[in-house]
Amino acid sequence: AHNETTGALGNGTWWWDTKTGQSFY
């Protein structure tokens, strides 16, 4: 759901692509 999203969590901001590469999950 959060693939290619920019967001602030904890104490910093990141860009990420969380969808790609989840084969173990």
mmCIF file of all heavy atoms, coordinates in Angstrom:
data_MODEL
# 
_entry.id   MODEL 
# 
loop_
_atom_site.group_PDB 
_atom_site.id 
_atom_site.type_symbol 
_atom_site.label_atom_id 
_atom_site.label_alt_id 
_atom_site.label_comp_id 
_atom_site.label_asym_id 
_atom_site.label_entity_id 
_atom_site.label_seq_id 
_atom_site.pdbx_PDB_ins_code 
_atom_site.Cartn_x 
_atom_site.Cartn_y 
_atom_site.Cartn_z 
_atom_site.occupancy 
_atom_site.B_iso_or_equiv 
_atom_site.pdbx_formal_charge 
_atom_site.auth_seq_id 
_atom_site.auth_comp_id 
_atom_site.auth_asym_id 
_atom_site.auth_atom_id 
_atom_site.pdbx_PDB_model_num 
ATOM 1   N N   . ALA A 1 1  ? 0.811  -1.216  0.000  1.00 0.00 ? 1  ALA A N   1 
ATOM 2   C CA  . ALA A 1 1  ? 0.000  0.000   0.000  1.00 0.00 ? 1  ALA A CA  1 
ATOM 3   C C   . ALA A 1 1  ? 0.842  1.262   0.000  1.00 0.00 ? 1  ALA A C   1 
ATOM 4   O O   . ALA A 1 1  ? 0.374  2.330   -0.421 1.00 0.00 ? 1  ALA A O   1 
ATOM 5   C CB  . ALA A 1 1  ? -0.946 0.000   1.198  1.00 0.00 ? 1  ALA A CB  1 
ATOM 6   N N   . HIS A 1 2  ? 2.076  1.149   0.488  1.00 0.00 ? 2  HIS A N   1 
ATOM 7   C CA  . HIS A 1 2  ? 2.923  2.335   0.603  1.00 0.00 ? 2  HIS A CA  1 
ATOM 8   C C   . HIS A 1 2  ? 4.071  2.296   -0.396 1.00 0.00 ? 2  HIS A C   1 
ATOM 9   O O   . HIS A 1 2  ? 5.144  2.867   -0.158 1.00 0.00 ? 2  HIS A O   1 
ATOM 10  C CB  . HIS A 1 2  ? 3.454  2.468   2.036  1.00 0.00 ? 2  HIS A CB  1 
ATOM 11  C CG  . HIS A 1 2  ? 2.385  2.792   3.016  1.00 0.00 ? 2  HIS A CG  1 
ATOM 12  N ND1 . HIS A 1 2  ? 1.509  1.854   3.513  1.00 0.00 ? 2  HIS A ND1 1 
ATOM 13  C CD2 . HIS A 1 2  ? 2.007  3.976   3.570  1.00 0.00 ? 2  HIS A CD2 1 
ATOM 14  C CE1 . HIS A 1 2  ? 0.662  2.427   4.333  1.00 0.00 ? 2  HIS A CE1 1 
ATOM 15  N NE2 . HIS A 1 2  ? 0.933  3.709   4.396  1.00 0.00 ? 2  HIS A NE2 1 
ATOM 16  N N   . ASN A 1 3  ? 3.853  1.659   -1.497 1.00 0.00 ? 3  ASN A N   1 
ATOM 17  C CA  . ASN A 1 3  ? 4.857  1.601   -2.546 1.00 0.00 ? 3  ASN A CA  1 
ATOM 18  C C   . ASN A 1 3  ? 5.139  2.996   -3.087 1.00 0.00 ? 3  ASN A C   1 
ATOM 19  O O   . ASN A 1 3  ? 4.223  3.767   -3.366 1.00 0.00 ? 3  ASN A O   1 
ATOM 20  C CB  . ASN A 1 3  ? 4.353  0.697   -3.676 1.00 0.00 ? 3  ASN A CB  1 
ATOM 21  C CG  . ASN A 1 3  ? 5.383  0.526   -4.773 1.00 0.00 ? 3  ASN A CG  1 
ATOM 22  O OD1 . ASN A 1 3  ? 6.565  0.471   -4.502 1.00 0.00 ? 3  ASN A OD1 1 
ATOM 23  N ND2 . ASN A 1 3  ? 4.910  0.444   -6.003 1.00 0.00 ? 3  ASN A ND2 1 
ATOM 24  N N   . GLU A 1 4  ? 6.435  3.313   -3.186 1.00 0.00 ? 4  GLU A N   1 
ATOM 25  C CA  . GLU A 1 4  ? 6.875  4.592   -3.736 1.00 0.00 ? 4  GLU A CA  1 
ATOM 26  C C   . GLU A 1 4  ? 6.169  5.765   -3.066 1.00 0.00 ? 4  GLU A C   1 
ATOM 27  O O   . GLU A 1 4  ? 5.430  6.520   -3.678 1.00 0.00 ? 4  GLU A O   1 
ATOM 28  C CB  . GLU A 1 4  ? 6.672  4.635   -5.249 1.00 0.00 ? 4  GLU A CB  1 
ATOM 29  C CG  . GLU A 1 4  ? 7.511  3.594   -5.975 1.00 0.00 ? 4  GLU A CG  1 
ATOM 30  C CD  . GLU A 1 4  ? 7.488  3.772   -7.473 1.00 0.00 ? 4  GLU A CD  1 
ATOM 31  O OE1 . GLU A 1 4  ? 7.000  4.818   -7.933 1.00 0.00 ? 4  GLU A OE1 1 
ATOM 32  O OE2 . GLU A 1 4  ? 7.972  2.880   -8.171 1.00 0.00 ? 4  GLU A OE2 1 
ATOM 33  N N   . THR A 1 5  ? 6.436  5.893   -1.786 1.00 0.00 ? 5  THR A N   1 
ATOM 34  C CA  . THR A 1 5  ? 5.796  6.926   -0.975 1.00 0.00 ? 5  THR A CA  1 
ATOM 35  C C   . THR A 1 5  ? 6.852  7.738   -0.248 1.00 0.00 ? 5  THR A C   1 
ATOM 36  O O   . THR A 1 5  ? 7.869  7.209   0.162  1.00 0.00 ? 5  THR A O   1 
ATOM 37  C CB  . THR A 1 5  ? 4.855  6.290   0.065  1.00 0.00 ? 5  THR A CB  1 
ATOM 38  O OG1 . THR A 1 5  ? 3.937  5.440   -0.623 1.00 0.00 ? 5  THR A OG1 1 
ATOM 39  C CG2 . THR A 1 5  ? 4.079  7.340   0.824  1.00 0.00 ? 5  THR A CG2 1 
ATOM 40  N N   . THR A 1 6  ? 6.609  8.999   -0.086 1.00 0.00 ? 6  THR A N   1 
ATOM 41  C CA  . THR A 1 6  ? 7.457  9.815   0.762  1.00 0.00 ? 6  THR A CA  1 
ATOM 42  C C   . THR A 1 6  ? 6.706  10.070  2.059  1.00 0.00 ? 6  THR A C   1 
ATOM 43  O O   . THR A 1 6  ? 5.533  10.419  2.040  1.00 0.00 ? 6  THR A O   1 
ATOM 44  C CB  . THR A 1 6  ? 7.795  11.163  0.094  1.00 0.00 ? 6  THR A CB  1 
ATOM 45  O OG1 . THR A 1 6  ? 8.450  10.896  -1.143 1.00 0.00 ? 6  THR A OG1 1 
ATOM 46  C CG2 . THR A 1 6  ? 8.713  11.984  0.987  1.00 0.00 ? 6  THR A CG2 1 
ATOM 47  N N   . GLY A 1 7  ? 7.391  9.902   3.181  1.00 0.00 ? 7  GLY A N   1 
ATOM 48  C CA  . GLY A 1 7  ? 6.695  10.110  4.438  1.00 0.00 ? 7  GLY A CA  1 
ATOM 49  C C   . GLY A 1 7  ? 7.640  10.353  5.579  1.00 0.00 ? 7  GLY A C   1 
ATOM 50  O O   . GLY A 1 7  ? 8.838  10.118  5.466  1.00 0.00 ? 7  GLY A O   1 
ATOM 51  N N   . ALA A 1 8  ? 7.103  10.852  6.663  1.00 0.00 ? 8  ALA A N   1 
ATOM 52  C CA  . ALA A 1 8  ? 7.882  11.086  7.875  1.00 0.00 ? 8  ALA A CA  1 
ATOM 53  C C   . ALA A 1 8  ? 7.408  10.128  8.947  1.00 0.00 ? 8  ALA A C   1 
ATOM 54  O O   . ALA A 1 8  ? 6.225  10.095  9.271  1.00 0.00 ? 8  ALA A O   1 
ATOM 55  C CB  . ALA A 1 8  ? 7.729  12.522  8.356  1.00 0.00 ? 8  ALA A CB  1 
ATOM 56  N N   . LEU A 1 9  ? 8.320  9.315   9.454  1.00 0.00 ? 9  LEU A N   1 
ATOM 57  C CA  . LEU A 1 9  ? 8.017  8.395   10.540 1.00 0.00 ? 9  LEU A CA  1 
ATOM 58  C C   . LEU A 1 9  ? 9.145  8.483   11.545 1.00 0.00 ? 9  LEU A C   1 
ATOM 59  O O   . LEU A 1 9  ? 10.305 8.631   11.170 1.00 0.00 ? 9  LEU A O   1 
ATOM 60  C CB  . LEU A 1 9  ? 7.899  6.952   10.026 1.00 0.00 ? 9  LEU A CB  1 
ATOM 61  C CG  . LEU A 1 9  ? 6.702  6.634   9.119  1.00 0.00 ? 9  LEU A CG  1 
ATOM 62  C CD1 . LEU A 1 9  ? 6.880  5.264   8.503  1.00 0.00 ? 9  LEU A CD1 1 
ATOM 63  C CD2 . LEU A 1 9  ? 5.414  6.675   9.926  1.00 0.00 ? 9  LEU A CD2 1 
ATOM 64  N N   . GLY A 1 10 ? 8.826  8.349   12.813 1.00 0.00 ? 10 GLY A N   1 
ATOM 65  C CA  . GLY A 1 10 ? 9.883  8.432   13.820 1.00 0.00 ? 10 GLY A CA  1 
ATOM 66  C C   . GLY A 1 10 ? 10.473 9.825   13.813 1.00 0.00 ? 10 GLY A C   1 
ATOM 67  O O   . GLY A 1 10 ? 9.780  10.820  13.972 1.00 0.00 ? 10 GLY A O   1 
ATOM 68  N N   . ASN A 1 11 ? 11.779 9.934   13.542 1.00 0.00 ? 11 ASN A N   1 
ATOM 69  C CA  . ASN A 1 11 ? 12.406 11.265  13.592 1.00 0.00 ? 11 ASN A CA  1 
ATOM 70  C C   . ASN A 1 11 ? 13.121 11.598  12.282 1.00 0.00 ? 11 ASN A C   1 
ATOM 71  O O   . ASN A 1 11 ? 14.138 12.251  12.257 1.00 0.00 ? 11 ASN A O   1 
ATOM 72  C CB  . ASN A 1 11 ? 13.384 11.351  14.760 1.00 0.00 ? 11 ASN A CB  1 
ATOM 73  C CG  . ASN A 1 11 ? 14.584 10.437  14.568 1.00 0.00 ? 11 ASN A CG  1 
ATOM 74  O OD1 . ASN A 1 11 ? 14.588 9.594   13.678 1.00 0.00 ? 11 ASN A OD1 1 
ATOM 75  N ND2 . ASN A 1 11 ? 15.594 10.612  15.393 1.00 0.00 ? 11 ASN A ND2 1 
ATOM 76  N N   . GLY A 1 12 ? 12.586 11.131  11.159 1.00 0.00 ? 12 GLY A N   1 
ATOM 77  C CA  . GLY A 1 12 ? 13.224 11.456  9.894  1.00 0.00 ? 12 GLY A CA  1 
ATOM 78  C C   . GLY A 1 12 ? 12.298 11.232  8.722  1.00 0.00 ? 12 GLY A C   1 
ATOM 79  O O   . GLY A 1 12 ? 11.183 10.729  8.872  1.00 0.00 ? 12 GLY A O   1 
ATOM 80  N N   . THR A 1 13 ? 12.751 11.610  7.528  1.00 0.00 ? 13 THR A N   1 
ATOM 81  C CA  . THR A 1 13 ? 11.959 11.469  6.316  1.00 0.00 ? 13 THR A CA  1 
ATOM 82  C C   . THR A 1 13 ? 12.720 10.600  5.330  1.00 0.00 ? 13 THR A C   1 
ATOM 83  O O   . THR A 1 13 ? 13.918 10.768  5.137  1.00 0.00 ? 13 THR A O   1 
ATOM 84  C CB  . THR A 1 13 ? 11.678 12.847  5.687  1.00 0.00 ? 13 THR A CB  1 
ATOM 85  O OG1 . THR A 1 13 ? 11.000 13.650  6.644  1.00 0.00 ? 13 THR A OG1 1 
ATOM 86  C CG2 . THR A 1 13 ? 10.817 12.708  4.442  1.00 0.00 ? 13 THR A CG2 1 
ATOM 87  N N   . TRP A 1 14 ? 11.998 9.678   4.694  1.00 0.00 ? 14 TRP A N   1 
ATOM 88  C CA  . TRP A 1 14 ? 12.636 8.772   3.737  1.00 0.00 ? 14 TRP A CA  1 
ATOM 89  C C   . TRP A 1 14 ? 11.785 8.664   2.484  1.00 0.00 ? 14 TRP A C   1 
ATOM 90  O O   . TRP A 1 14 ? 10.561 8.829   2.523  1.00 0.00 ? 14 TRP A O   1 
ATOM 91  C CB  . TRP A 1 14 ? 12.785 7.361   4.326  1.00 0.00 ? 14 TRP A CB  1 
ATOM 92  C CG  . TRP A 1 14 ? 13.687 7.292   5.499  1.00 0.00 ? 14 TRP A CG  1 
ATOM 93  C CD1 . TRP A 1 14 ? 15.015 6.971   5.501  1.00 0.00 ? 14 TRP A CD1 1 
ATOM 94  C CD2 . TRP A 1 14 ? 13.353 7.535   6.860  1.00 0.00 ? 14 TRP A CD2 1 
ATOM 95  N NE1 . TRP A 1 14 ? 15.515 7.005   6.775  1.00 0.00 ? 14 TRP A NE1 1 
ATOM 96  C CE2 . TRP A 1 14 ? 14.513 7.347   7.628  1.00 0.00 ? 14 TRP A CE2 1 
ATOM 97  C CE3 . TRP A 1 14 ? 12.173 7.892   7.514  1.00 0.00 ? 14 TRP A CE3 1 
ATOM 98  C CZ2 . TRP A 1 14 ? 14.538 7.496   9.006  1.00 0.00 ? 14 TRP A CZ2 1 
ATOM 99  C CZ3 . TRP A 1 14 ? 12.197 8.046   8.882  1.00 0.00 ? 14 TRP A CZ3 1 
ATOM 100 C CH2 . TRP A 1 14 ? 13.362 7.851   9.613  1.00 0.00 ? 14 TRP A CH2 1 
ATOM 101 N N   . TRP A 1 15 ? 12.450 8.338   1.384  1.00 0.00 ? 15 TRP A N   1 
ATOM 102 C CA  . TRP A 1 15 ? 11.723 7.866   0.209  1.00 0.00 ? 15 TRP A CA  1 
ATOM 103 C C   . TRP A 1 15 ? 11.975 6.392   0.123  1.00 0.00 ? 15 TRP A C   1 
ATOM 104 O O   . TRP A 1 15 ? 13.074 5.924   0.393  1.00 0.00 ? 15 TRP A O   1 
ATOM 105 C CB  . TRP A 1 15 ? 12.251 8.530   -1.066 1.00 0.00 ? 15 TRP A CB  1 
ATOM 106 C CG  . TRP A 1 15 ? 11.589 7.936   -2.283 1.00 0.00 ? 15 TRP A CG  1 
ATOM 107 C CD1 . TRP A 1 15 ? 10.428 8.363   -2.848 1.00 0.00 ? 15 TRP A CD1 1 
ATOM 108 C CD2 . TRP A 1 15 ? 12.010 6.801   -3.031 1.00 0.00 ? 15 TRP A CD2 1 
ATOM 109 N NE1 . TRP A 1 15 ? 10.091 7.575   -3.905 1.00 0.00 ? 15 TRP A NE1 1 
ATOM 110 C CE2 . TRP A 1 15 ? 11.054 6.589   -4.046 1.00 0.00 ? 15 TRP A CE2 1 
ATOM 111 C CE3 . TRP A 1 15 ? 13.069 5.921   -2.963 1.00 0.00 ? 15 TRP A CE3 1 
ATOM 112 C CZ2 . TRP A 1 15 ? 11.146 5.567   -4.978 1.00 0.00 ? 15 TRP A CZ2 1 
ATOM 113 C CZ3 . TRP A 1 15 ? 13.173 4.892   -3.876 1.00 0.00 ? 15 TRP A CZ3 1 
ATOM 114 C CH2 . TRP A 1 15 ? 12.218 4.727   -4.872 1.00 0.00 ? 15 TRP A CH2 1 
ATOM 115 N N   . TRP A 1 16 ? 10.952 5.626   -0.233 1.00 0.00 ? 16 TRP A N   1 
ATOM 116 C CA  . TRP A 1 16 ? 11.175 4.200   -0.334 1.00 0.00 ? 16 TRP A CA  1 
ATOM 117 C C   . TRP A 1 16 ? 10.269 3.558   -1.381 1.00 0.00 ? 16 TRP A C   1 
ATOM 118 O O   . TRP A 1 16 ? 9.232  4.087   -1.748 1.00 0.00 ? 16 TRP A O   1 
ATOM 119 C CB  . TRP A 1 16 ? 10.972 3.518   1.005  1.00 0.00 ? 16 TRP A CB  1 
ATOM 120 C CG  . TRP A 1 16 ? 9.571  3.529   1.534  1.00 0.00 ? 16 TRP A CG  1 
ATOM 121 C CD1 . TRP A 1 16 ? 8.591  2.617   1.312  1.00 0.00 ? 16 TRP A CD1 1 
ATOM 122 C CD2 . TRP A 1 16 ? 9.008  4.511   2.396  1.00 0.00 ? 16 TRP A CD2 1 
ATOM 123 N NE1 . TRP A 1 16 ? 7.453  2.951   1.977  1.00 0.00 ? 16 TRP A NE1 1 
ATOM 124 C CE2 . TRP A 1 16 ? 7.672  4.113   2.648  1.00 0.00 ? 16 TRP A CE2 1 
ATOM 125 C CE3 . TRP A 1 16 ? 9.481  5.680   2.977  1.00 0.00 ? 16 TRP A CE3 1 
ATOM 126 C CZ2 . TRP A 1 16 ? 6.821  4.854   3.454  1.00 0.00 ? 16 TRP A CZ2 1 
ATOM 127 C CZ3 . TRP A 1 16 ? 8.634  6.405   3.771  1.00 0.00 ? 16 TRP A CZ3 1 
ATOM 128 C CH2 . TRP A 1 16 ? 7.334  5.993   4.008  1.00 0.00 ? 16 TRP A CH2 1 
ATOM 129 N N   . ASP A 1 17 ? 10.699 2.404   -1.827 1.00 0.00 ? 17 ASP A N   1 
ATOM 130 C CA  . ASP A 1 17 ? 9.874  1.546   -2.668 1.00 0.00 ? 17 ASP A CA  1 
ATOM 131 C C   . ASP A 1 17 ? 9.752  0.246   -1.895 1.00 0.00 ? 17 ASP A C   1 
ATOM 132 O O   . ASP A 1 17 ? 10.654 -0.572  -1.874 1.00 0.00 ? 17 ASP A O   1 
ATOM 133 C CB  . ASP A 1 17 ? 10.558 1.321   -4.023 1.00 0.00 ? 17 ASP A CB  1 
ATOM 134 C CG  . ASP A 1 17 ? 9.780  0.368   -4.918 1.00 0.00 ? 17 ASP A CG  1 
ATOM 135 O OD1 . ASP A 1 17 ? 8.891  -0.325  -4.409 1.00 0.00 ? 17 ASP A OD1 1 
ATOM 136 O OD2 . ASP A 1 17 ? 10.096 0.310   -6.118 1.00 0.00 ? 17 ASP A OD2 1 
ATOM 137 N N   . THR A 1 18 ? 8.648  0.059   -1.204 1.00 0.00 ? 18 THR A N   1 
ATOM 138 C CA  . THR A 1 18 ? 8.510  -1.099  -0.323 1.00 0.00 ? 18 THR A CA  1 
ATOM 139 C C   . THR A 1 18 ? 7.916  -2.305  -1.022 1.00 0.00 ? 18 THR A C   1 
ATOM 140 O O   . THR A 1 18 ? 7.879  -3.386  -0.465 1.00 0.00 ? 18 THR A O   1 
ATOM 141 C CB  . THR A 1 18 ? 7.616  -0.741  0.878  1.00 0.00 ? 18 THR A CB  1 
ATOM 142 O OG1 . THR A 1 18 ? 6.374  -0.254  0.397  1.00 0.00 ? 18 THR A OG1 1 
ATOM 143 C CG2 . THR A 1 18 ? 8.274  0.285   1.758  1.00 0.00 ? 18 THR A CG2 1 
ATOM 144 N N   . LYS A 1 19 ? 7.397  -2.130  -2.228 1.00 0.00 ? 19 LYS A N   1 
ATOM 145 C CA  . LYS A 1 19 ? 6.690  -3.230  -2.871 1.00 0.00 ? 19 LYS A CA  1 
ATOM 146 C C   . LYS A 1 19 ? 7.642  -4.229  -3.508 1.00 0.00 ? 19 LYS A C   1 
ATOM 147 O O   . LYS A 1 19 ? 7.442  -5.433  -3.431 1.00 0.00 ? 19 LYS A O   1 
ATOM 148 C CB  . LYS A 1 19 ? 5.728  -2.693  -3.920 1.00 0.00 ? 19 LYS A CB  1 
ATOM 149 C CG  . LYS A 1 19 ? 4.848  -3.784  -4.545 1.00 0.00 ? 19 LYS A CG  1 
ATOM 150 C CD  . LYS A 1 19 ? 3.812  -3.177  -5.461 1.00 0.00 ? 19 LYS A CD  1 
ATOM 151 C CE  . LYS A 1 19 ? 2.899  -4.248  -6.041 1.00 0.00 ? 19 LYS A CE  1 
ATOM 152 N NZ  . LYS A 1 19 ? 1.879  -3.680  -6.942 1.00 0.00 ? 19 LYS A NZ  1 
ATOM 153 N N   . THR A 1 20 ? 8.669  -3.724  -4.172 1.00 0.00 ? 20 THR A N   1 
ATOM 154 C CA  . THR A 1 20 ? 9.568  -4.599  -4.902 1.00 0.00 ? 20 THR A CA  1 
ATOM 155 C C   . THR A 1 20 ? 10.367 -5.464  -3.948 1.00 0.00 ? 20 THR A C   1 
ATOM 156 O O   . THR A 1 20 ? 10.848 -5.005  -2.936 1.00 0.00 ? 20 THR A O   1 
ATOM 157 C CB  . THR A 1 20 ? 10.542 -3.750  -5.742 1.00 0.00 ? 20 THR A CB  1 
ATOM 158 O OG1 . THR A 1 20 ? 9.816  -2.720  -6.372 1.00 0.00 ? 20 THR A OG1 1 
ATOM 159 C CG2 . THR A 1 20 ? 11.250 -4.597  -6.766 1.00 0.00 ? 20 THR A CG2 1 
ATOM 160 N N   . GLY A 1 21 ? 10.536 -6.712  -4.268 1.00 0.00 ? 21 GLY A N   1 
ATOM 161 C CA  . GLY A 1 21 ? 11.407 -7.583  -3.484 1.00 0.00 ? 21 GLY A CA  1 
ATOM 162 C C   . GLY A 1 21 ? 10.818 -8.020  -2.173 1.00 0.00 ? 21 GLY A C   1 
ATOM 163 O O   . GLY A 1 21 ? 11.392 -7.731  -1.125 1.00 0.00 ? 21 GLY A O   1 
ATOM 164 N N   . GLN A 1 22 ? 9.669  -8.718  -2.189 1.00 0.00 ? 22 GLN A N   1 
ATOM 165 C CA  . GLN A 1 22 ? 9.054  -9.232  -0.967 1.00 0.00 ? 22 GLN A CA  1 
ATOM 166 C C   . GLN A 1 22 ? 8.904  -10.740 -1.022 1.00 0.00 ? 22 GLN A C   1 
ATOM 167 O O   . GLN A 1 22 ? 8.012  -11.301 -0.371 1.00 0.00 ? 22 GLN A O   1 
ATOM 168 C CB  . GLN A 1 22 ? 7.669  -8.616  -0.741 1.00 0.00 ? 22 GLN A CB  1 
ATOM 169 C CG  . GLN A 1 22 ? 7.697  -7.319  0.004  1.00 0.00 ? 22 GLN A CG  1 
ATOM 170 C CD  . GLN A 1 22 ? 6.357  -6.940  0.610  1.00 0.00 ? 22 GLN A CD  1 
ATOM 171 O OE1 . GLN A 1 22 ? 6.321  -6.358  1.680  1.00 0.00 ? 22 GLN A OE1 1 
ATOM 172 N NE2 . GLN A 1 22 ? 5.262  -7.237  -0.043 1.00 0.00 ? 22 GLN A NE2 1 
ATOM 173 N N   . SER A 1 23 ? 9.754  -11.419 -1.761 1.00 0.00 ? 23 SER A N   1 
ATOM 174 C CA  . SER A 1 23 ? 9.546  -12.845 -2.007 1.00 0.00 ? 23 SER A CA  1 
ATOM 175 C C   . SER A 1 23 ? 9.596  -13.672 -0.722 1.00 0.00 ? 23 SER A C   1 
ATOM 176 O O   . SER A 1 23 ? 8.847  -14.643 -0.571 1.00 0.00 ? 23 SER A O   1 
ATOM 177 C CB  . SER A 1 23 ? 10.570 -13.374 -3.007 1.00 0.00 ? 23 SER A CB  1 
ATOM 178 O OG  . SER A 1 23 ? 11.895 -13.159 -2.541 1.00 0.00 ? 23 SER A OG  1 
ATOM 179 N N   . PHE A 1 24 ? 10.474 -13.296 0.221  1.00 0.00 ? 24 PHE A N   1 
ATOM 180 C CA  . PHE A 1 24 ? 10.562 -14.045 1.483  1.00 0.00 ? 24 PHE A CA  1 
ATOM 181 C C   . PHE A 1 24 ? 9.306  -13.808 2.322  1.00 0.00 ? 24 PHE A C   1 
ATOM 182 O O   . PHE A 1 24 ? 8.713  -14.731 2.884  1.00 0.00 ? 24 PHE A O   1 
ATOM 183 C CB  . PHE A 1 24 ? 11.815 -13.631 2.249  1.00 0.00 ? 24 PHE A CB  1 
ATOM 184 C CG  . PHE A 1 24 ? 12.387 -14.698 3.150  1.00 0.00 ? 24 PHE A CG  1 
ATOM 185 C CD1 . PHE A 1 24 ? 13.750 -14.758 3.390  1.00 0.00 ? 24 PHE A CD1 1 
ATOM 186 C CD2 . PHE A 1 24 ? 11.581 -15.644 3.762  1.00 0.00 ? 24 PHE A CD2 1 
ATOM 187 C CE1 . PHE A 1 24 ? 14.301 -15.733 4.223  1.00 0.00 ? 24 PHE A CE1 1 
ATOM 188 C CE2 . PHE A 1 24 ? 12.113 -16.621 4.594  1.00 0.00 ? 24 PHE A CE2 1 
ATOM 189 C CZ  . PHE A 1 24 ? 13.471 -16.664 4.829  1.00 0.00 ? 24 PHE A CZ  1 
ATOM 190 N N   . TYR A 1 25 ? 8.892  -12.544 2.416  1.00 0.00 ? 25 TYR A N   1 
ATOM 191 C CA  . TYR A 1 25 ? 7.646  -12.238 3.111  1.00 0.00 ? 25 TYR A CA  1 
ATOM 192 C C   . TYR A 1 25 ? 6.489  -13.036 2.515  1.00 0.00 ? 25 TYR A C   1 
ATOM 193 O O   . TYR A 1 25 ? 5.682  -13.640 3.231  1.00 0.00 ? 25 TYR A O   1 
ATOM 194 C CB  . TYR A 1 25 ? 7.331  -10.747 3.005  1.00 0.00 ? 25 TYR A CB  1 
ATOM 195 C CG  . TYR A 1 25 ? 7.936  -9.854  4.066  1.00 0.00 ? 25 TYR A CG  1 
ATOM 196 C CD1 . TYR A 1 25 ? 8.995  -10.284 4.859  1.00 0.00 ? 25 TYR A CD1 1 
ATOM 197 C CD2 . TYR A 1 25 ? 7.445  -8.569  4.267  1.00 0.00 ? 25 TYR A CD2 1 
ATOM 198 C CE1 . TYR A 1 25 ? 9.543  -9.452  5.815  1.00 0.00 ? 25 TYR A CE1 1 
ATOM 199 C CE2 . TYR A 1 25 ? 7.984  -7.723  5.221  1.00 0.00 ? 25 TYR A CE2 1 
ATOM 200 C CZ  . TYR A 1 25 ? 9.039  -8.176  5.996  1.00 0.00 ? 25 TYR A CZ  1 
ATOM 201 O OH  . TYR A 1 25 ? 9.580  -7.343  6.948  1.00 0.00 ? 25 TYR A OH  1 
# 
